[in-house]
Amino acid sequence: MSSPNPKNSGQPGKNPQGAASRPADPKAPAPPKGPPEPPAHVIPLYRRIDWISFTLTTLAVLLGYWWTLAPDLTLEDCGELAVASMYAGVPHPPGYPVWTIYSWLFTLLPIENIAYRVALSSAVAGALSCGLVALMVSRGSTRPARVSTKRRACQAASQ
């Protein structure tokens, strides 16, 4: 007669469940009841200056893109992509599906012509991406000593 559990074979009297069935240690502390208490003050991930840098960068880049925006069709695939955006279709392989749906939303705006609306969608996307880079750079430039000082102040206030 062989045991189905190879770890338990040859060891009679040993519990196959291991430590799960052992009695609890009477000296061990009782597990906490309920969820743990939240900290008194949570330091925000992004500071006000981070959001200011995001906003100013996004607006400055959007203004520059909008000022130099092509008023009509340009060369290459512009006409094909504008028509595909108007009908939410597939321009050509690989098709740019996310960009097509994103630019289709801008074709619903009642301004200028379709090519201008599609160019405006690309300007907004470019400005937002520059703003996100500014947000990450601003957040990454935080000095560790300043963060730890704030953390110590928050811990002292909570005690």
N, C-alpha and C. Protein backbone atom coordinates (compact mmCIF):
# COMPACT_ATOMS: atom_id res chain seq x y z
N MET A 1 0.84 -1.16 0.00
CA MET A 1 0.00 0.00 0.00
C MET A 1 0.89 1.24 0.00
N SER A 2 0.74 2.07 -1.01
CA SER A 2 1.58 3.26 -1.10
C SER A 2 0.75 4.49 -0.80
N SER A 3 1.39 5.46 -0.24
CA SER A 3 0.72 6.71 0.12
C SER A 3 0.67 7.62 -1.11
N PRO A 4 -0.47 8.31 -1.36
CA PRO A 4 -0.53 9.20 -2.52
C PRO A 4 0.35 10.43 -2.36
N ASN A 5 0.72 10.80 -1.16
CA ASN A 5 1.55 11.97 -0.93
C ASN A 5 2.98 11.50 -0.69
N PRO A 6 3.92 11.77 -1.58
CA PRO A 6 5.29 11.29 -1.40
C PRO A 6 5.97 11.91 -0.19
N LYS A 7 5.58 13.11 0.23
CA LYS A 7 6.22 13.74 1.38
C LYS A 7 5.83 13.03 2.68
N ASN A 8 4.65 12.41 2.71
CA ASN A 8 4.14 11.78 3.92
C ASN A 8 4.45 10.28 3.95
N SER A 9 4.99 9.73 2.90
CA SER A 9 5.23 8.29 2.87
C SER A 9 6.34 7.91 3.85
N GLY A 10 6.09 6.86 4.60
CA GLY A 10 7.10 6.36 5.53
C GLY A 10 7.11 7.10 6.86
N GLN A 11 6.21 8.02 7.10
CA GLN A 11 6.17 8.76 8.35
C GLN A 11 4.78 8.61 8.97
N PRO A 12 4.55 7.51 9.63
CA PRO A 12 3.22 7.31 10.21
C PRO A 12 2.96 8.28 11.35
N GLY A 13 1.71 8.68 11.47
CA GLY A 13 1.31 9.57 12.55
C GLY A 13 1.52 11.04 12.26
N LYS A 14 2.20 11.39 11.18
CA LYS A 14 2.45 12.79 10.86
C LYS A 14 1.25 13.36 10.11
N ASN A 15 0.82 14.54 10.47
CA ASN A 15 -0.33 15.18 9.85
C ASN A 15 0.07 15.71 8.47
N PRO A 16 -0.64 15.32 7.38
CA PRO A 16 -0.25 15.80 6.05
C PRO A 16 -0.52 17.28 5.84
N GLN A 17 -1.33 17.90 6.69
CA GLN A 17 -1.60 19.33 6.50
C GLN A 17 -0.52 20.19 7.13
N GLY A 18 0.36 19.64 7.86
CA GLY A 18 1.48 20.38 8.42
C GLY A 18 1.08 21.30 9.55
N ALA A 19 1.55 22.52 9.53
CA ALA A 19 1.36 23.47 10.62
C ALA A 19 -0.04 24.04 10.69
N ALA A 20 -0.86 23.82 9.69
CA ALA A 20 -2.19 24.42 9.68
C ALA A 20 -3.07 23.84 10.77
N SER A 21 -2.82 22.62 11.21
CA SER A 21 -3.69 22.01 12.21
C SER A 21 -3.09 22.06 13.61
N ARG A 22 -1.95 22.71 13.80
CA ARG A 22 -1.34 22.82 15.12
C ARG A 22 -2.15 23.79 15.98
N PRO A 23 -2.18 23.55 17.28
CA PRO A 23 -2.89 24.50 18.15
C PRO A 23 -2.13 25.82 18.21
N ALA A 24 -2.87 26.90 18.39
CA ALA A 24 -2.26 28.23 18.44
C ALA A 24 -1.43 28.39 19.69
N ASP A 25 -0.36 29.13 19.60
CA ASP A 25 0.51 29.40 20.74
C ASP A 25 -0.21 30.37 21.67
N PRO A 26 -0.38 30.01 22.95
CA PRO A 26 -1.13 30.88 23.87
C PRO A 26 -0.41 32.20 24.13
N LYS A 27 0.91 32.28 23.93
CA LYS A 27 1.66 33.51 24.18
C LYS A 27 1.69 34.44 22.98
N ALA A 28 1.23 33.96 21.84
CA ALA A 28 1.26 34.79 20.62
C ALA A 28 0.22 35.90 20.74
N PRO A 29 0.54 37.10 20.20
CA PRO A 29 -0.44 38.19 20.27
C PRO A 29 -1.64 37.89 19.38
N ALA A 30 -2.78 38.38 19.78
CA ALA A 30 -4.01 38.16 19.02
C ALA A 30 -3.96 38.97 17.72
N PRO A 31 -4.51 38.42 16.65
CA PRO A 31 -4.50 39.18 15.39
C PRO A 31 -5.34 40.44 15.54
N PRO A 32 -4.98 41.52 14.84
CA PRO A 32 -5.74 42.77 14.97
C PRO A 32 -7.15 42.60 14.44
N LYS A 33 -8.09 43.24 15.10
CA LYS A 33 -9.48 43.16 14.69
C LYS A 33 -9.82 44.38 13.85
N GLY A 34 -10.37 44.15 12.68
CA GLY A 34 -10.77 45.24 11.80
C GLY A 34 -9.60 45.75 10.97
N PRO A 35 -9.87 46.68 10.08
CA PRO A 35 -8.81 47.22 9.23
C PRO A 35 -7.88 48.13 10.03
N PRO A 36 -6.64 48.28 9.60
CA PRO A 36 -5.71 49.14 10.33
C PRO A 36 -6.13 50.61 10.20
N GLU A 37 -5.70 51.39 11.16
CA GLU A 37 -6.03 52.82 11.16
C GLU A 37 -5.25 53.53 10.04
N PRO A 38 -5.90 54.42 9.29
CA PRO A 38 -5.17 55.17 8.27
C PRO A 38 -4.27 56.21 8.93
N PRO A 39 -3.21 56.62 8.25
CA PRO A 39 -2.33 57.64 8.82
C PRO A 39 -3.08 58.96 8.95
N ALA A 40 -2.61 59.79 9.89
CA ALA A 40 -3.29 61.06 10.15
C ALA A 40 -3.21 61.99 8.94
N HIS A 41 -2.06 62.07 8.30
CA HIS A 41 -1.88 62.95 7.15
C HIS A 41 -1.12 62.20 6.08
N VAL A 42 -1.70 62.10 4.90
CA VAL A 42 -1.05 61.41 3.80
C VAL A 42 -0.41 62.45 2.89
N ILE A 43 0.86 62.26 2.61
CA ILE A 43 1.56 63.16 1.72
C ILE A 43 1.10 62.89 0.29
N PRO A 44 0.63 63.91 -0.44
CA PRO A 44 0.16 63.66 -1.80
C PRO A 44 1.32 63.25 -2.71
N LEU A 45 0.99 62.43 -3.70
CA LEU A 45 2.02 61.96 -4.63
C LEU A 45 2.55 63.11 -5.48
N TYR A 46 1.65 63.97 -5.93
CA TYR A 46 2.05 65.12 -6.74
C TYR A 46 1.81 66.40 -5.95
N ARG A 47 2.80 67.28 -5.98
CA ARG A 47 2.68 68.55 -5.28
C ARG A 47 1.97 69.56 -6.17
N ARG A 48 1.63 70.70 -5.61
CA ARG A 48 0.98 71.76 -6.39
C ARG A 48 1.89 72.23 -7.52
N ILE A 49 3.18 72.33 -7.28
CA ILE A 49 4.10 72.79 -8.32
C ILE A 49 4.17 71.81 -9.48
N ASP A 50 3.96 70.52 -9.21
CA ASP A 50 3.93 69.52 -10.28
C ASP A 50 2.76 69.79 -11.22
N TRP A 51 1.58 70.05 -10.64
CA TRP A 51 0.39 70.31 -11.46
C TRP A 51 0.51 71.65 -12.18
N ILE A 52 1.16 72.62 -11.57
CA ILE A 52 1.37 73.90 -12.24
C ILE A 52 2.28 73.72 -13.45
N SER A 53 3.34 72.93 -13.30
CA SER A 53 4.24 72.69 -14.43
C SER A 53 3.52 71.93 -15.54
N PHE A 54 2.67 70.96 -15.17
CA PHE A 54 1.88 70.24 -16.17
C PHE A 54 0.97 71.19 -16.94
N THR A 55 0.25 72.05 -16.22
CA THR A 55 -0.71 72.96 -16.85
C THR A 55 -0.01 73.98 -17.74
N LEU A 56 1.05 74.60 -17.23
CA LEU A 56 1.74 75.62 -18.03
C LEU A 56 2.39 75.02 -19.28
N THR A 57 3.00 73.86 -19.14
CA THR A 57 3.62 73.22 -20.29
C THR A 57 2.59 72.82 -21.33
N THR A 58 1.49 72.22 -20.87
CA THR A 58 0.44 71.80 -21.80
C THR A 58 -0.14 73.00 -22.54
N LEU A 59 -0.42 74.08 -21.83
CA LEU A 59 -0.99 75.26 -22.48
C LEU A 59 -0.01 75.93 -23.43
N ALA A 60 1.26 76.01 -23.04
CA ALA A 60 2.26 76.64 -23.91
C ALA A 60 2.45 75.84 -25.20
N VAL A 61 2.54 74.53 -25.08
CA VAL A 61 2.74 73.69 -26.27
C VAL A 61 1.48 73.69 -27.13
N LEU A 62 0.31 73.64 -26.52
CA LEU A 62 -0.94 73.67 -27.28
C LEU A 62 -1.07 74.99 -28.04
N LEU A 63 -0.72 76.09 -27.40
CA LEU A 63 -0.78 77.38 -28.07
C LEU A 63 0.17 77.42 -29.27
N GLY A 64 1.39 76.87 -29.08
CA GLY A 64 2.34 76.83 -30.20
C GLY A 64 1.86 75.94 -31.34
N TYR A 65 1.33 74.77 -31.01
CA TYR A 65 0.80 73.88 -32.05
C TYR A 65 -0.41 74.50 -32.75
N TRP A 66 -1.29 75.13 -31.99
CA TRP A 66 -2.51 75.70 -32.56
C TRP A 66 -2.18 76.88 -33.47
N TRP A 67 -1.16 77.65 -33.08
CA TRP A 67 -0.77 78.81 -33.88
C TRP A 67 -0.18 78.38 -35.22
N THR A 68 0.51 77.25 -35.26
CA THR A 68 1.17 76.78 -36.49
C THR A 68 0.40 75.64 -37.16
N LEU A 69 -0.86 75.45 -36.81
CA LEU A 69 -1.67 74.36 -37.35
C LEU A 69 -1.97 74.58 -38.83
N ALA A 70 -1.88 73.51 -39.62
CA ALA A 70 -2.21 73.60 -41.04
C ALA A 70 -3.72 73.79 -41.21
N PRO A 71 -4.16 74.78 -41.98
CA PRO A 71 -5.60 75.04 -42.10
C PRO A 71 -6.33 74.05 -43.00
N ASP A 72 -5.58 73.28 -43.77
CA ASP A 72 -6.22 72.35 -44.71
C ASP A 72 -5.32 71.12 -44.87
N LEU A 73 -5.54 70.35 -45.90
CA LEU A 73 -4.75 69.14 -46.14
C LEU A 73 -3.31 69.49 -46.47
N THR A 74 -2.42 68.61 -46.05
CA THR A 74 -1.00 68.74 -46.40
C THR A 74 -0.60 67.53 -47.23
N LEU A 75 0.67 67.27 -47.35
CA LEU A 75 1.16 66.19 -48.20
C LEU A 75 1.03 64.82 -47.54
N GLU A 76 1.43 63.80 -48.30
CA GLU A 76 1.48 62.41 -47.85
C GLU A 76 0.10 61.83 -47.55
N ASP A 77 -0.08 61.27 -46.35
CA ASP A 77 -1.30 60.54 -46.00
C ASP A 77 -2.37 61.41 -45.33
N CYS A 78 -2.20 62.70 -45.32
CA CYS A 78 -3.12 63.56 -44.57
C CYS A 78 -4.57 63.40 -45.02
N GLY A 79 -4.81 63.40 -46.32
CA GLY A 79 -6.18 63.26 -46.83
C GLY A 79 -6.78 61.91 -46.49
N GLU A 80 -5.98 60.88 -46.65
CA GLU A 80 -6.46 59.52 -46.35
C GLU A 80 -6.80 59.37 -44.88
N LEU A 81 -5.94 59.91 -44.00
CA LEU A 81 -6.18 59.80 -42.56
C LEU A 81 -7.36 60.68 -42.12
N ALA A 82 -7.54 61.84 -42.76
CA ALA A 82 -8.67 62.70 -42.41
C ALA A 82 -9.99 62.05 -42.80
N VAL A 83 -10.03 61.42 -43.96
CA VAL A 83 -11.26 60.74 -44.38
C VAL A 83 -11.53 59.54 -43.48
N ALA A 84 -10.50 58.79 -43.13
CA ALA A 84 -10.68 57.65 -42.24
C ALA A 84 -11.17 58.10 -40.86
N SER A 85 -10.70 59.27 -40.40
CA SER A 85 -11.16 59.80 -39.13
C SER A 85 -12.61 60.23 -39.20
N MET A 86 -13.00 60.80 -40.33
CA MET A 86 -14.38 61.27 -40.48
C MET A 86 -15.37 60.12 -40.39
N TYR A 87 -15.03 58.99 -40.98
CA TYR A 87 -15.93 57.83 -41.00
C TYR A 87 -15.55 56.76 -39.98
N ALA A 88 -14.54 57.03 -39.15
CA ALA A 88 -14.02 56.06 -38.17
C ALA A 88 -13.68 54.75 -38.87
N GLY A 89 -13.02 54.86 -40.00
CA GLY A 89 -12.65 53.69 -40.79
C GLY A 89 -11.19 53.33 -40.62
N VAL A 90 -10.73 52.41 -41.45
CA VAL A 90 -9.34 51.97 -41.42
C VAL A 90 -8.62 52.57 -42.61
N PRO A 91 -7.65 53.47 -42.38
CA PRO A 91 -6.99 54.11 -43.51
C PRO A 91 -6.16 53.14 -44.35
N HIS A 92 -5.23 52.46 -43.77
CA HIS A 92 -4.43 51.43 -44.43
C HIS A 92 -3.68 50.67 -43.34
N PRO A 93 -3.19 49.49 -43.65
CA PRO A 93 -2.49 48.72 -42.61
C PRO A 93 -1.32 49.53 -42.06
N PRO A 94 -1.14 49.59 -40.80
CA PRO A 94 -1.78 48.89 -39.70
C PRO A 94 -3.09 49.53 -39.24
N GLY A 95 -3.48 50.66 -39.76
CA GLY A 95 -4.80 51.22 -39.49
C GLY A 95 -4.89 52.23 -38.37
N TYR A 96 -3.96 52.27 -37.42
CA TYR A 96 -3.96 53.22 -36.32
C TYR A 96 -5.33 53.30 -35.64
N PRO A 97 -5.84 52.22 -35.08
CA PRO A 97 -7.21 52.22 -34.57
C PRO A 97 -7.46 53.19 -33.41
N VAL A 98 -6.55 53.30 -32.47
CA VAL A 98 -6.77 54.19 -31.33
C VAL A 98 -6.75 55.64 -31.81
N TRP A 99 -5.80 55.98 -32.66
CA TRP A 99 -5.73 57.34 -33.18
C TRP A 99 -6.96 57.66 -34.02
N THR A 100 -7.45 56.72 -34.79
CA THR A 100 -8.62 56.96 -35.63
C THR A 100 -9.85 57.26 -34.78
N ILE A 101 -10.05 56.50 -33.73
CA ILE A 101 -11.21 56.75 -32.85
C ILE A 101 -11.03 58.07 -32.10
N TYR A 102 -9.81 58.34 -31.63
CA TYR A 102 -9.53 59.59 -30.93
C TYR A 102 -9.78 60.79 -31.84
N SER A 103 -9.29 60.74 -33.07
CA SER A 103 -9.48 61.87 -33.98
C SER A 103 -10.92 61.95 -34.48
N TRP A 104 -11.63 60.82 -34.51
CA TRP A 104 -13.04 60.86 -34.89
C TRP A 104 -13.85 61.70 -33.90
N LEU A 105 -13.48 61.64 -32.61
CA LEU A 105 -14.17 62.47 -31.62
C LEU A 105 -14.00 63.96 -31.93
N PHE A 106 -12.86 64.34 -32.45
CA PHE A 106 -12.63 65.74 -32.80
C PHE A 106 -13.37 66.13 -34.08
N THR A 107 -13.69 65.18 -34.93
CA THR A 107 -14.45 65.52 -36.14
C THR A 107 -15.88 65.89 -35.81
N LEU A 108 -16.33 65.61 -34.60
CA LEU A 108 -17.69 65.97 -34.18
C LEU A 108 -17.79 67.45 -33.78
N LEU A 109 -16.66 68.11 -33.59
CA LEU A 109 -16.67 69.54 -33.24
C LEU A 109 -17.16 70.36 -34.43
N PRO A 110 -17.98 71.37 -34.20
CA PRO A 110 -18.50 72.18 -35.32
C PRO A 110 -17.60 73.37 -35.68
N ILE A 111 -16.32 73.10 -35.96
CA ILE A 111 -15.39 74.18 -36.34
C ILE A 111 -14.69 73.80 -37.64
N GLU A 112 -14.36 74.79 -38.43
CA GLU A 112 -13.55 74.65 -39.65
C GLU A 112 -13.91 73.41 -40.46
N ASN A 113 -12.89 72.84 -41.11
CA ASN A 113 -13.11 71.64 -41.93
C ASN A 113 -12.55 70.41 -41.23
N ILE A 114 -12.76 69.25 -41.84
CA ILE A 114 -12.37 67.98 -41.21
C ILE A 114 -10.86 67.90 -41.03
N ALA A 115 -10.09 68.34 -42.01
CA ALA A 115 -8.63 68.26 -41.90
C ALA A 115 -8.13 69.10 -40.72
N TYR A 116 -8.73 70.27 -40.52
CA TYR A 116 -8.34 71.13 -39.40
C TYR A 116 -8.67 70.46 -38.06
N ARG A 117 -9.81 69.81 -37.98
CA ARG A 117 -10.21 69.14 -36.74
C ARG A 117 -9.27 67.98 -36.42
N VAL A 118 -8.89 67.24 -37.45
CA VAL A 118 -7.96 66.12 -37.24
C VAL A 118 -6.59 66.65 -36.81
N ALA A 119 -6.14 67.73 -37.42
CA ALA A 119 -4.86 68.33 -37.03
C ALA A 119 -4.94 68.86 -35.60
N LEU A 120 -6.09 69.41 -35.22
CA LEU A 120 -6.28 69.90 -33.86
C LEU A 120 -6.21 68.75 -32.85
N SER A 121 -6.75 67.59 -33.23
CA SER A 121 -6.67 66.44 -32.33
C SER A 121 -5.22 66.03 -32.10
N SER A 122 -4.42 66.08 -33.13
CA SER A 122 -3.00 65.73 -32.97
C SER A 122 -2.27 66.78 -32.14
N ALA A 123 -2.67 68.05 -32.27
CA ALA A 123 -2.05 69.10 -31.47
C ALA A 123 -2.39 68.92 -30.00
N VAL A 124 -3.63 68.56 -29.69
CA VAL A 124 -4.02 68.33 -28.30
C VAL A 124 -3.28 67.13 -27.72
N ALA A 125 -3.17 66.07 -28.49
CA ALA A 125 -2.45 64.89 -28.01
C ALA A 125 -0.98 65.19 -27.77
N GLY A 126 -0.36 65.95 -28.66
CA GLY A 126 1.04 66.33 -28.48
C GLY A 126 1.24 67.22 -27.26
N ALA A 127 0.32 68.16 -27.05
CA ALA A 127 0.43 69.05 -25.90
C ALA A 127 0.25 68.28 -24.59
N LEU A 128 -0.70 67.35 -24.56
CA LEU A 128 -0.89 66.55 -23.34
C LEU A 128 0.33 65.67 -23.06
N SER A 129 0.94 65.13 -24.09
CA SER A 129 2.12 64.30 -23.85
C SER A 129 3.28 65.14 -23.32
N CYS A 130 3.45 66.35 -23.83
CA CYS A 130 4.49 67.24 -23.29
C CYS A 130 4.19 67.62 -21.85
N GLY A 131 2.91 67.85 -21.53
CA GLY A 131 2.53 68.15 -20.16
C GLY A 131 2.80 67.00 -19.22
N LEU A 132 2.56 65.77 -19.67
CA LEU A 132 2.85 64.60 -18.82
C LEU A 132 4.34 64.43 -18.59
N VAL A 133 5.15 64.73 -19.60
CA VAL A 133 6.60 64.68 -19.40
C VAL A 133 7.02 65.73 -18.37
N ALA A 134 6.44 66.93 -18.45
CA ALA A 134 6.75 67.97 -17.46
C ALA A 134 6.32 67.54 -16.07
N LEU A 135 5.18 66.88 -15.95
CA LEU A 135 4.71 66.40 -14.66
C LEU A 135 5.68 65.37 -14.08
N MET A 136 6.15 64.45 -14.91
CA MET A 136 7.09 63.43 -14.43
C MET A 136 8.43 64.04 -14.04
N VAL A 137 8.91 65.00 -14.83
CA VAL A 137 10.19 65.63 -14.51
C VAL A 137 10.07 66.43 -13.22
N SER A 138 8.97 67.15 -13.07
CA SER A 138 8.76 67.92 -11.85
C SER A 138 8.66 67.01 -10.63
N ARG A 139 7.96 65.90 -10.77
CA ARG A 139 7.83 64.95 -9.66
C ARG A 139 9.16 64.27 -9.35
N GLY A 140 9.91 63.96 -10.37
CA GLY A 140 11.20 63.29 -10.18
C GLY A 140 12.27 64.19 -9.62
N SER A 141 12.07 65.50 -9.66
CA SER A 141 13.08 66.42 -9.15
C SER A 141 12.92 66.75 -7.68
N THR A 142 12.03 66.05 -6.97
CA THR A 142 11.84 66.27 -5.54
C THR A 142 13.05 65.79 -4.77
N ARG A 143 13.54 66.61 -3.88
CA ARG A 143 14.68 66.22 -3.07
C ARG A 143 14.23 65.26 -1.98
N PRO A 144 14.93 64.15 -1.79
CA PRO A 144 14.52 63.18 -0.78
C PRO A 144 14.51 63.76 0.63
N ALA A 145 15.41 64.67 0.97
CA ALA A 145 15.46 65.23 2.31
C ALA A 145 14.18 66.01 2.61
N ARG A 146 13.65 66.67 1.63
CA ARG A 146 12.44 67.46 1.82
C ARG A 146 11.24 66.54 2.07
N VAL A 147 11.17 65.44 1.35
CA VAL A 147 10.08 64.49 1.54
C VAL A 147 10.17 63.86 2.91
N SER A 148 11.38 63.46 3.34
CA SER A 148 11.51 62.82 4.64
C SER A 148 11.21 63.81 5.76
N THR A 149 11.52 65.09 5.58
CA THR A 149 11.20 66.09 6.59
C THR A 149 9.69 66.21 6.74
N LYS A 150 8.97 66.23 5.61
CA LYS A 150 7.51 66.30 5.67
C LYS A 150 6.95 65.05 6.33
N ARG A 151 7.53 63.90 6.01
CA ARG A 151 7.03 62.66 6.58
C ARG A 151 7.24 62.65 8.09
N ARG A 152 8.41 63.12 8.56
CA ARG A 152 8.65 63.18 9.98
C ARG A 152 7.67 64.12 10.67
N ALA A 153 7.38 65.25 10.02
CA ALA A 153 6.44 66.21 10.60
C ALA A 153 5.04 65.61 10.70
N CYS A 154 4.66 64.86 9.67
CA CYS A 154 3.33 64.21 9.69
C CYS A 154 3.27 63.12 10.75
N GLN A 155 4.35 62.38 10.92
CA GLN A 155 4.37 61.33 11.94
C GLN A 155 4.33 61.94 13.34
N ALA A 156 5.02 63.06 13.52
CA ALA A 156 5.01 63.72 14.83
C ALA A 156 3.62 64.28 15.14
N ALA A 157 2.93 64.77 14.12
CA ALA A 157 1.59 65.33 14.32
C ALA A 157 0.59 64.25 14.64
N SER A 158 0.80 63.03 14.10
CA SER A 158 -0.16 61.97 14.33
C SER A 158 0.01 61.32 15.71
N GLN A 159 1.13 61.54 16.37
CA GLN A 159 1.36 60.92 17.69
C GLN A 159 0.89 61.75 18.82
